[in-house]
Amino acid sequence: EETALIASIEGGRGTPHPRPPYPAASGVWGLPTLINN
């Protein structure tokens, strides 16, 4: 799941978070982030 994935990339525990904000607006390190498989 995108928000859990982002948390794990940042070194945190991989748990999801409510949206918005969506990753396209605020993702990895708070930067606009594009996620595809």
PDB file of all heavy atoms in Angstrom:
ATOM      1  N   GLU A   1       0.856  -1.198   0.000  1.00  0.00           N
ATOM      2  CA  GLU A   1       0.000   0.000   0.000  1.00  0.00           C
ATOM      3  C   GLU A   1       0.885   1.238   0.000  1.00  0.00           C
ATOM      4  O   GLU A   1       1.923   1.270   0.675  1.00  0.00           O
ATOM      5  CB  GLU A   1      -0.919  -0.032   1.236  1.00  0.00           C
ATOM      6  CG  GLU A   1      -2.015   0.999   1.230  1.00  0.00           C
ATOM      7  CD  GLU A   1      -1.548   2.345   1.766  1.00  0.00           C
ATOM      8  OE1 GLU A   1      -0.614   2.383   2.586  1.00  0.00           O
ATOM      9  OE2 GLU A   1      -2.134   3.367   1.353  1.00  0.00           O
ATOM     10  N   GLU A   2       0.487   2.249  -0.756  1.00  0.00           N
ATOM     11  CA  GLU A   2       1.390   3.369  -1.048  1.00  0.00           C
ATOM     12  C   GLU A   2       1.918   4.084   0.193  1.00  0.00           C
ATOM     13  O   GLU A   2       3.120   4.354   0.293  1.00  0.00           O
ATOM     14  CB  GLU A   2       0.685   4.370  -1.969  1.00  0.00           C
ATOM     15  CG  GLU A   2       0.484   3.856  -3.377  1.00  0.00           C
ATOM     16  CD  GLU A   2      -0.108   4.904  -4.294  1.00  0.00           C
ATOM     17  OE1 GLU A   2      -0.727   5.874  -3.795  1.00  0.00           O
ATOM     18  OE2 GLU A   2       0.029   4.764  -5.516  1.00  0.00           O
ATOM     19  N   THR A   3       1.051   4.430   1.150  1.00  0.00           N
ATOM     20  CA  THR A   3       1.530   5.209   2.299  1.00  0.00           C
ATOM     21  C   THR A   3       2.410   4.357   3.212  1.00  0.00           C
ATOM     22  O   THR A   3       3.370   4.863   3.803  1.00  0.00           O
ATOM     23  CB  THR A   3       0.350   5.808   3.080  1.00  0.00           C
ATOM     24  OG1 THR A   3      -0.490   4.754   3.578  1.00  0.00           O
ATOM     25  CG2 THR A   3      -0.473   6.734   2.195  1.00  0.00           C
ATOM     26  N   ALA A   4       2.093   3.055   3.339  1.00  0.00           N
ATOM     27  CA  ALA A   4       2.954   2.164   4.124  1.00  0.00           C
ATOM     28  C   ALA A   4       4.305   1.987   3.428  1.00  0.00           C
ATOM     29  O   ALA A   4       5.357   1.937   4.075  1.00  0.00           O
ATOM     30  CB  ALA A   4       2.271   0.823   4.326  1.00  0.00           C
ATOM     31  N   LEU A   5       4.273   1.891   2.111  1.00  0.00           N
ATOM     32  CA  LEU A   5       5.495   1.788   1.321  1.00  0.00           C
ATOM     33  C   LEU A   5       6.388   3.003   1.539  1.00  0.00           C
ATOM     34  O   LEU A   5       7.600   2.882   1.745  1.00  0.00           O
ATOM     35  CB  LEU A   5       5.119   1.663  -0.153  1.00  0.00           C
ATOM     36  CG  LEU A   5       6.225   1.648  -1.194  1.00  0.00           C
ATOM     37  CD1 LEU A   5       6.916   0.306  -1.215  1.00  0.00           C
ATOM     38  CD2 LEU A   5       5.651   1.948  -2.578  1.00  0.00           C
ATOM     39  N   ILE A   6       5.792   4.168   1.514  1.00  0.00           N
ATOM     40  CA  ILE A   6       6.554   5.408   1.714  1.00  0.00           C
ATOM     41  C   ILE A   6       7.179   5.439   3.099  1.00  0.00           C
ATOM     42  O   ILE A   6       8.355   5.790   3.272  1.00  0.00           O
ATOM     43  CB  ILE A   6       5.642   6.630   1.479  1.00  0.00           C
ATOM     44  CG1 ILE A   6       5.300   6.740  -0.009  1.00  0.00           C
ATOM     45  CG2 ILE A   6       6.305   7.913   1.985  1.00  0.00           C
ATOM     46  CD1 ILE A   6       4.189   7.724  -0.305  1.00  0.00           C
ATOM     47  N   ALA A   7       6.398   5.050   4.119  1.00  0.00           N
ATOM     48  CA  ALA A   7       6.925   5.039   5.486  1.00  0.00           C
ATOM     49  C   ALA A   7       8.121   4.099   5.594  1.00  0.00           C
ATOM     50  O   ALA A   7       9.115   4.408   6.258  1.00  0.00           O
ATOM     51  CB  ALA A   7       5.829   4.620   6.461  1.00  0.00           C
ATOM     52  N   SER A   8       8.041   2.946   4.927  1.00  0.00           N
ATOM     53  CA  SER A   8       9.139   1.987   4.975  1.00  0.00           C
ATOM     54  C   SER A   8      10.374   2.522   4.243  1.00  0.00           C
ATOM     55  O   SER A   8      11.505   2.350   4.711  1.00  0.00           O
ATOM     56  CB  SER A   8       8.677   0.660   4.366  1.00  0.00           C
ATOM     57  OG  SER A   8       9.676  -0.324   4.475  1.00  0.00           O
ATOM     58  N   ILE A   9      10.171   3.163   3.096  1.00  0.00           N
ATOM     59  CA  ILE A   9      11.302   3.751   2.359  1.00  0.00           C
ATOM     60  C   ILE A   9      12.027   4.782   3.217  1.00  0.00           C
ATOM     61  O   ILE A   9      13.263   4.874   3.197  1.00  0.00           O
ATOM     62  CB  ILE A   9      10.801   4.389   1.044  1.00  0.00           C
ATOM     63  CG1 ILE A   9      10.424   3.304   0.037  1.00  0.00           C
ATOM     64  CG2 ILE A   9      11.873   5.317   0.442  1.00  0.00           C
ATOM     65  CD1 ILE A   9       9.810   3.837  -1.240  1.00  0.00           C
ATOM     66  N   GLU A  10      11.265   5.526   3.992  1.00  0.00           N
ATOM     67  CA  GLU A  10      11.851   6.573   4.830  1.00  0.00           C
ATOM     68  C   GLU A  10      12.506   6.024   6.095  1.00  0.00           C
ATOM     69  O   GLU A  10      13.090   6.781   6.870  1.00  0.00           O
ATOM     70  CB  GLU A  10      10.775   7.585   5.218  1.00  0.00           C
ATOM     71  CG  GLU A  10      10.247   8.385   4.044  1.00  0.00           C
ATOM     72  CD  GLU A  10       9.089   9.296   4.417  1.00  0.00           C
ATOM     73  OE1 GLU A  10       8.475   9.072   5.491  1.00  0.00           O
ATOM     74  OE2 GLU A  10       8.803  10.229   3.655  1.00  0.00           O
ATOM     75  N   GLY A  11      12.408   4.704   6.293  1.00  0.00           N
ATOM     76  CA  GLY A  11      13.043   4.092   7.457  1.00  0.00           C
ATOM     77  C   GLY A  11      12.135   3.890   8.630  1.00  0.00           C
ATOM     78  O   GLY A  11      12.579   3.454   9.700  1.00  0.00           O
ATOM     79  N   GLY A  12      10.858   4.204   8.476  1.00  0.00           N
ATOM     80  CA  GLY A  12       9.903   4.032   9.560  1.00  0.00           C
ATOM     81  C   GLY A  12       9.216   2.687   9.491  1.00  0.00           C
ATOM     82  O   GLY A  12       9.503   1.842   8.642  1.00  0.00           O
ATOM     83  N   ARG A  13       8.275   2.486  10.411  1.00  0.00           N
ATOM     84  CA  ARG A  13       7.496   1.261  10.403  1.00  0.00           C
ATOM     85  C   ARG A  13       6.502   1.327   9.244  1.00  0.00           C
ATOM     86  O   ARG A  13       5.845   2.352   9.039  1.00  0.00           O
ATOM     87  CB  ARG A  13       6.753   1.102  11.723  1.00  0.00           C
ATOM     88  CG  ARG A  13       5.950  -0.186  11.814  1.00  0.00           C
ATOM     89  CD  ARG A  13       5.257  -0.318  13.147  1.00  0.00           C
ATOM     90  NE  ARG A  13       4.458  -1.552  13.198  1.00  0.00           N
ATOM     91  CZ  ARG A  13       3.715  -1.896  14.227  1.00  0.00           C
ATOM     92  NH1 ARG A  13       3.654  -1.111  15.293  1.00  0.00           N
ATOM     93  NH2 ARG A  13       3.018  -3.026  14.196  1.00  0.00           N
ATOM     94  N   GLY A  14       6.385   0.231   8.509  1.00  0.00           N
ATOM     95  CA  GLY A  14       5.539   0.226   7.320  1.00  0.00           C
ATOM     96  C   GLY A  14       4.067   0.092   7.646  1.00  0.00           C
ATOM     97  O   GLY A  14       3.493  -0.989   7.492  1.00  0.00           O
ATOM     98  N   THR A  15       3.466   1.153   8.099  1.00  0.00           N
ATOM     99  CA  THR A  15       2.024   1.144   8.375  1.00  0.00           C
ATOM    100  C   THR A  15       1.363   2.240   7.547  1.00  0.00           C
ATOM    101  O   THR A  15       1.948   3.310   7.318  1.00  0.00           O
ATOM    102  CB  THR A  15       1.724   1.376   9.862  1.00  0.00           C
ATOM    103  OG1 THR A  15       2.348   2.593  10.282  1.00  0.00           O
ATOM    104  CG2 THR A  15       2.247   0.236  10.707  1.00  0.00           C
ATOM    105  N   PRO A  16       0.124   2.006   7.097  1.00  0.00           N
ATOM    106  CA  PRO A  16      -0.553   2.998   6.250  1.00  0.00           C
ATOM    107  C   PRO A  16      -1.056   4.195   7.031  1.00  0.00           C
ATOM    108  O   PRO A  16      -1.203   4.145   8.255  1.00  0.00           O
ATOM    109  CB  PRO A  16      -1.721   2.189   5.659  1.00  0.00           C
ATOM    110  CG  PRO A  16      -1.969   1.110   6.640  1.00  0.00           C
ATOM    111  CD  PRO A  16      -0.656   0.768   7.260  1.00  0.00           C
ATOM    112  N   HIS A  17      -1.298   5.272   6.301  1.00  0.00           N
ATOM    113  CA  HIS A  17      -1.796   6.517   6.884  1.00  0.00           C
ATOM    114  C   HIS A  17      -2.968   7.027   6.061  1.00  0.00           C
ATOM    115  O   HIS A  17      -3.061   6.743   4.861  1.00  0.00           O
ATOM    116  CB  HIS A  17      -0.682   7.569   6.927  1.00  0.00           C
ATOM    117  CG  HIS A  17       0.517   7.139   7.702  1.00  0.00           C
ATOM    118  ND1 HIS A  17       0.579   7.187   9.082  1.00  0.00           N
ATOM    119  CD2 HIS A  17       1.702   6.597   7.305  1.00  0.00           C
ATOM    120  CE1 HIS A  17       1.747   6.725   9.499  1.00  0.00           C
ATOM    121  NE2 HIS A  17       2.448   6.358   8.435  1.00  0.00           N
ATOM    122  N   PRO A  18      -3.869   7.765   6.692  1.00  0.00           N
ATOM    123  CA  PRO A  18      -5.027   8.281   5.942  1.00  0.00           C
ATOM    124  C   PRO A  18      -4.587   9.205   4.805  1.00  0.00           C
ATOM    125  O   PRO A  18      -3.555   9.861   4.876  1.00  0.00           O
ATOM    126  CB  PRO A  18      -5.821   9.060   7.005  1.00  0.00           C
ATOM    127  CG  PRO A  18      -5.366   8.513   8.323  1.00  0.00           C
ATOM    128  CD  PRO A  18      -3.931   8.125   8.121  1.00  0.00           C
ATOM    129  N   ARG A  19      -5.393   9.227   3.738  1.00  0.00           N
ATOM    130  CA  ARG A  19      -5.181  10.139   2.614  1.00  0.00           C
ATOM    131  C   ARG A  19      -6.439  10.965   2.442  1.00  0.00           C
ATOM    132  O   ARG A  19      -7.547  10.439   2.670  1.00  0.00           O
ATOM    133  CB  ARG A  19      -4.875   9.345   1.338  1.00  0.00           C
ATOM    134  CG  ARG A  19      -3.606   8.517   1.427  1.00  0.00           C
ATOM    135  CD  ARG A  19      -3.353   7.718   0.164  1.00  0.00           C
ATOM    136  NE  ARG A  19      -4.387   6.710  -0.062  1.00  0.00           N
ATOM    137  CZ  ARG A  19      -4.415   5.883  -1.110  1.00  0.00           C
ATOM    138  NH1 ARG A  19      -3.459   5.950  -2.022  1.00  0.00           N
ATOM    139  NH2 ARG A  19      -5.372   5.005  -1.249  1.00  0.00           N
ATOM    140  N   PRO A  20      -6.357  12.234   2.026  1.00  0.00           N
ATOM    141  CA  PRO A  20      -5.155  12.976   1.633  1.00  0.00           C
ATOM    142  C   PRO A  20      -4.269  13.343   2.826  1.00  0.00           C
ATOM    143  O   PRO A  20      -4.718  13.208   3.947  1.00  0.00           O
ATOM    144  CB  PRO A  20      -5.760  14.220   0.956  1.00  0.00           C
ATOM    145  CG  PRO A  20      -7.108  14.395   1.597  1.00  0.00           C
ATOM    146  CD  PRO A  20      -7.590  13.019   1.913  1.00  0.00           C
ATOM    147  N   PRO A  21      -3.031  13.836   2.520  1.00  0.00           N
ATOM    148  CA  PRO A  21      -2.505  14.095   1.176  1.00  0.00           C
ATOM    149  C   PRO A  21      -2.141  12.805   0.459  1.00  0.00           C
ATOM    150  O   PRO A  21      -1.703  11.828   1.078  1.00  0.00           O
ATOM    151  CB  PRO A  21      -1.264  14.941   1.443  1.00  0.00           C
ATOM    152  CG  PRO A  21      -0.794  14.491   2.795  1.00  0.00           C
ATOM    153  CD  PRO A  21      -2.037  14.194   3.573  1.00  0.00           C
ATOM    154  N   TYR A  22      -2.320  12.805  -0.844  1.00  0.00           N
ATOM    155  CA  TYR A  22      -1.940  11.677  -1.680  1.00  0.00           C
ATOM    156  C   TYR A  22      -0.457  11.791  -2.040  1.00  0.00           C
ATOM    157  O   TYR A  22       0.110  12.893  -2.048  1.00  0.00           O
ATOM    158  CB  TYR A  22      -2.804  11.630  -2.939  1.00  0.00           C
ATOM    159  CG  TYR A  22      -4.234  11.244  -2.651  1.00  0.00           C
ATOM    160  CD1 TYR A  22      -5.193  12.218  -2.365  1.00  0.00           C
ATOM    161  CD2 TYR A  22      -4.617   9.907  -2.644  1.00  0.00           C
ATOM    162  CE1 TYR A  22      -6.510  11.865  -2.081  1.00  0.00           C
ATOM    163  CE2 TYR A  22      -5.928   9.548  -2.362  1.00  0.00           C
ATOM    164  CZ  TYR A  22      -6.874  10.519  -2.086  1.00  0.00           C
ATOM    165  OH  TYR A  22      -8.152  10.176  -1.793  1.00  0.00           O
ATOM    166  N   PRO A  23       0.189  10.647  -2.339  1.00  0.00           N
ATOM    167  CA  PRO A  23       1.619  10.700  -2.661  1.00  0.00           C
ATOM    168  C   PRO A  23       1.966  11.669  -3.787  1.00  0.00           C
ATOM    169  O   PRO A  23       3.064  12.235  -3.789  1.00  0.00           O
ATOM    170  CB  PRO A  23       1.934   9.250  -3.059  1.00  0.00           C
ATOM    171  CG  PRO A  23       0.936   8.435  -2.298  1.00  0.00           C
ATOM    172  CD  PRO A  23      -0.324   9.261  -2.284  1.00  0.00           C
ATOM    173  N   ALA A  24       1.059  11.854  -4.745  1.00  0.00           N
ATOM    174  CA  ALA A  24       1.353  12.766  -5.849  1.00  0.00           C
ATOM    175  C   ALA A  24       1.586  14.188  -5.356  1.00  0.00           C
ATOM    176  O   ALA A  24       2.261  14.983  -6.018  1.00  0.00           O
ATOM    177  CB  ALA A  24       0.214  12.748  -6.862  1.00  0.00           C
ATOM    178  N   ALA A  25       1.023  14.514  -4.190  1.00  0.00           N
ATOM    179  CA  ALA A  25       1.230  15.847  -3.613  1.00  0.00           C
ATOM    180  C   ALA A  25       2.299  15.826  -2.533  1.00  0.00           C
ATOM    181  O   ALA A  25       3.125  16.740  -2.429  1.00  0.00           O
ATOM    182  CB  ALA A  25      -0.081  16.377  -3.041  1.00  0.00           C
ATOM    183  N   SER A  26       2.287  14.791  -1.692  1.00  0.00           N
ATOM    184  CA  SER A  26       3.252  14.697  -0.591  1.00  0.00           C
ATOM    185  C   SER A  26       3.532  13.235  -0.313  1.00  0.00           C
ATOM    186  O   SER A  26       2.713  12.539   0.297  1.00  0.00           O
ATOM    187  CB  SER A  26       2.692  15.373   0.671  1.00  0.00           C
ATOM    188  OG  SER A  26       3.608  15.252   1.754  1.00  0.00           O
ATOM    189  N   GLY A  27       4.691  12.765  -0.791  1.00  0.00           N
ATOM    190  CA  GLY A  27       5.039  11.358  -0.644  1.00  0.00           C
ATOM    191  C   GLY A  27       6.333  11.176   0.110  1.00  0.00           C
ATOM    192  O   GLY A  27       6.451  11.581   1.262  1.00  0.00           O
ATOM    193  N   VAL A  28       7.338  10.588  -0.539  1.00  0.00           N
ATOM    194  CA  VAL A  28       8.623  10.323   0.099  1.00  0.00           C
ATOM    195  C   VAL A  28       9.277  11.641   0.510  1.00  0.00           C
ATOM    196  O   VAL A  28       9.433  12.551  -0.304  1.00  0.00           O
ATOM    197  CB  VAL A  28       9.544   9.531  -0.859  1.00  0.00           C
ATOM    198  CG1 VAL A  28      10.912   9.299  -0.220  1.00  0.00           C
ATOM    199  CG2 VAL A  28       8.896   8.193  -1.221  1.00  0.00           C
ATOM    200  N   TRP A  29       9.623  11.738   1.790  1.00  0.00           N
ATOM    201  CA  TRP A  29      10.224  12.956   2.355  1.00  0.00           C
ATOM    202  C   TRP A  29       9.350  14.186   2.127  1.00  0.00           C
ATOM    203  O   TRP A  29       9.853  15.308   2.059  1.00  0.00           O
ATOM    204  CB  TRP A  29      11.629  13.199   1.791  1.00  0.00           C
ATOM    205  CG  TRP A  29      12.516  11.999   1.745  1.00  0.00           C
ATOM    206  CD1 TRP A  29      13.083  11.453   0.639  1.00  0.00           C
ATOM    207  CD2 TRP A  29      12.913  11.170   2.847  1.00  0.00           C
ATOM    208  NE1 TRP A  29      13.811  10.336   0.965  1.00  0.00           N
ATOM    209  CE2 TRP A  29      13.737  10.132   2.323  1.00  0.00           C
ATOM    210  CE3 TRP A  29      12.665  11.183   4.222  1.00  0.00           C
ATOM    211  CZ2 TRP A  29      14.304   9.149   3.118  1.00  0.00           C
ATOM    212  CZ3 TRP A  29      13.227  10.191   5.013  1.00  0.00           C
ATOM    213  CH2 TRP A  29      14.030   9.197   4.451  1.00  0.00           C
ATOM    214  N   GLY A  30       8.041  13.999   1.966  1.00  0.00           N
ATOM    215  CA  GLY A  30       7.136  15.119   1.739  1.00  0.00           C
ATOM    216  C   GLY A  30       7.156  15.673   0.331  1.00  0.00           C
ATOM    217  O   GLY A  30       6.508  16.688   0.055  1.00  0.00           O
ATOM    218  N   LEU A  31       7.876  14.989  -0.595  1.00  0.00           N
ATOM    219  CA  LEU A  31       7.990  15.465  -1.972  1.00  0.00           C
ATOM    220  C   LEU A  31       6.914  14.821  -2.842  1.00  0.00           C
ATOM    221  O   LEU A  31       6.473  13.700  -2.578  1.00  0.00           O
ATOM    222  CB  LEU A  31       9.366  15.113  -2.532  1.00  0.00           C
ATOM    223  CG  LEU A  31      10.578  15.671  -1.780  1.00  0.00           C
ATOM    224  CD1 LEU A  31      11.872  15.085  -2.343  1.00  0.00           C
ATOM    225  CD2 LEU A  31      10.604  17.194  -1.860  1.00  0.00           C
ATOM    226  N   PRO A  32       6.482  15.496  -3.904  1.00  0.00           N
ATOM    227  CA  PRO A  32       5.556  14.865  -4.858  1.00  0.00           C
ATOM    228  C   PRO A  32       6.169  13.562  -5.374  1.00  0.00           C
ATOM    229  O   PRO A  32       7.319  13.537  -5.834  1.00  0.00           O
ATOM    230  CB  PRO A  32       5.423  15.906  -5.963  1.00  0.00           C
ATOM    231  CG  PRO A  32       5.733  17.218  -5.299  1.00  0.00           C
ATOM    232  CD  PRO A  32       6.786  16.900  -4.278  1.00  0.00           C
ATOM    233  N   THR A  33       5.400  12.480  -5.313  1.00  0.00           N
ATOM    234  CA  THR A  33       5.944  11.151  -5.579  1.00  0.00           C
ATOM    235  C   THR A  33       5.053  10.379  -6.542  1.00  0.00           C
ATOM    236  O   THR A  33       3.838  10.292  -6.352  1.00  0.00           O
ATOM    237  CB  THR A  33       6.095  10.355  -4.265  1.00  0.00           C
ATOM    238  OG1 THR A  33       6.978  11.066  -3.381  1.00  0.00           O
ATOM    239  CG2 THR A  33       6.657   8.973  -4.522  1.00  0.00           C
ATOM    240  N   LEU A  34       5.672   9.817  -7.563  1.00  0.00           N
ATOM    241  CA  LEU A  34       4.993   8.939  -8.510  1.00  0.00           C
ATOM    242  C   LEU A  34       5.292   7.493  -8.132  1.00  0.00           C
ATOM    243  O   LEU A  34       6.454   7.112  -8.011  1.00  0.00           O
ATOM    244  CB  LEU A  34       5.485   9.211  -9.934  1.00  0.00           C
ATOM    245  CG  LEU A  34       5.049   8.212 -11.004  1.00  0.00           C
ATOM    246  CD1 LEU A  34       3.553   8.315 -11.253  1.00  0.00           C
ATOM    247  CD2 LEU A  34       5.832   8.413 -12.292  1.00  0.00           C
ATOM    248  N   ILE A  35       4.243   6.677  -7.957  1.00  0.00           N
ATOM    249  CA  ILE A  35       4.411   5.274  -7.598  1.00  0.00           C
ATOM    250  C   ILE A  35       3.699   4.402  -8.622  1.00  0.00           C
ATOM    251  O   ILE A  35       2.494   4.551  -8.846  1.00  0.00           O
ATOM    252  CB  ILE A  35       3.859   4.969  -6.187  1.00  0.00           C
ATOM    253  CG1 ILE A  35       4.501   5.874  -5.136  1.00  0.00           C
ATOM    254  CG2 ILE A  35       4.094   3.497  -5.830  1.00  0.00           C
ATOM    255  CD1 ILE A  35       3.944   5.685  -3.733  1.00  0.00           C
ATOM    256  N   ASN A  36       4.445   3.508  -9.261  1.00  0.00           N
ATOM    257  CA  ASN A  36       3.887   2.461 -10.123  1.00  0.00           C
ATOM    258  C   ASN A  36       4.603   1.161  -9.811  1.00  0.00           C
ATOM    259  O   ASN A  36       5.701   1.170  -9.244  1.00  0.00           O
ATOM    260  CB  ASN A  36       4.064   2.785 -11.608  1.00  0.00           C
ATOM    261  CG  ASN A  36       3.132   3.884 -12.099  1.00  0.00           C
ATOM    262  OD1 ASN A  36       3.562   4.841 -12.742  1.00  0.00           O
ATOM    263  ND2 ASN A  36       1.850   3.770 -11.805  1.00  0.00           N
ATOM    264  N   ASN A  37       4.020   0.042 -10.221  1.00  0.00           N
ATOM    265  CA  ASN A  37       4.697  -1.233  -9.949  1.00  0.00           C
ATOM    266  C   ASN A  37       5.661  -1.577 -11.079  1.00  0.00           C
ATOM    267  O   ASN A  37       5.736  -0.888 -12.104  1.00  0.00           O
ATOM    268  CB  ASN A  37       3.677  -2.346  -9.676  1.00  0.00           C
ATOM    269  CG  ASN A  37       3.217  -3.039 -10.938  1.00  0.00           C
ATOM    270  OD1 ASN A  37       3.005  -2.407 -11.969  1.00  0.00           O
ATOM    271  ND2 ASN A  37       3.043  -4.342 -10.865  1.00  0.00           N
TER     272      ASN A  37
END
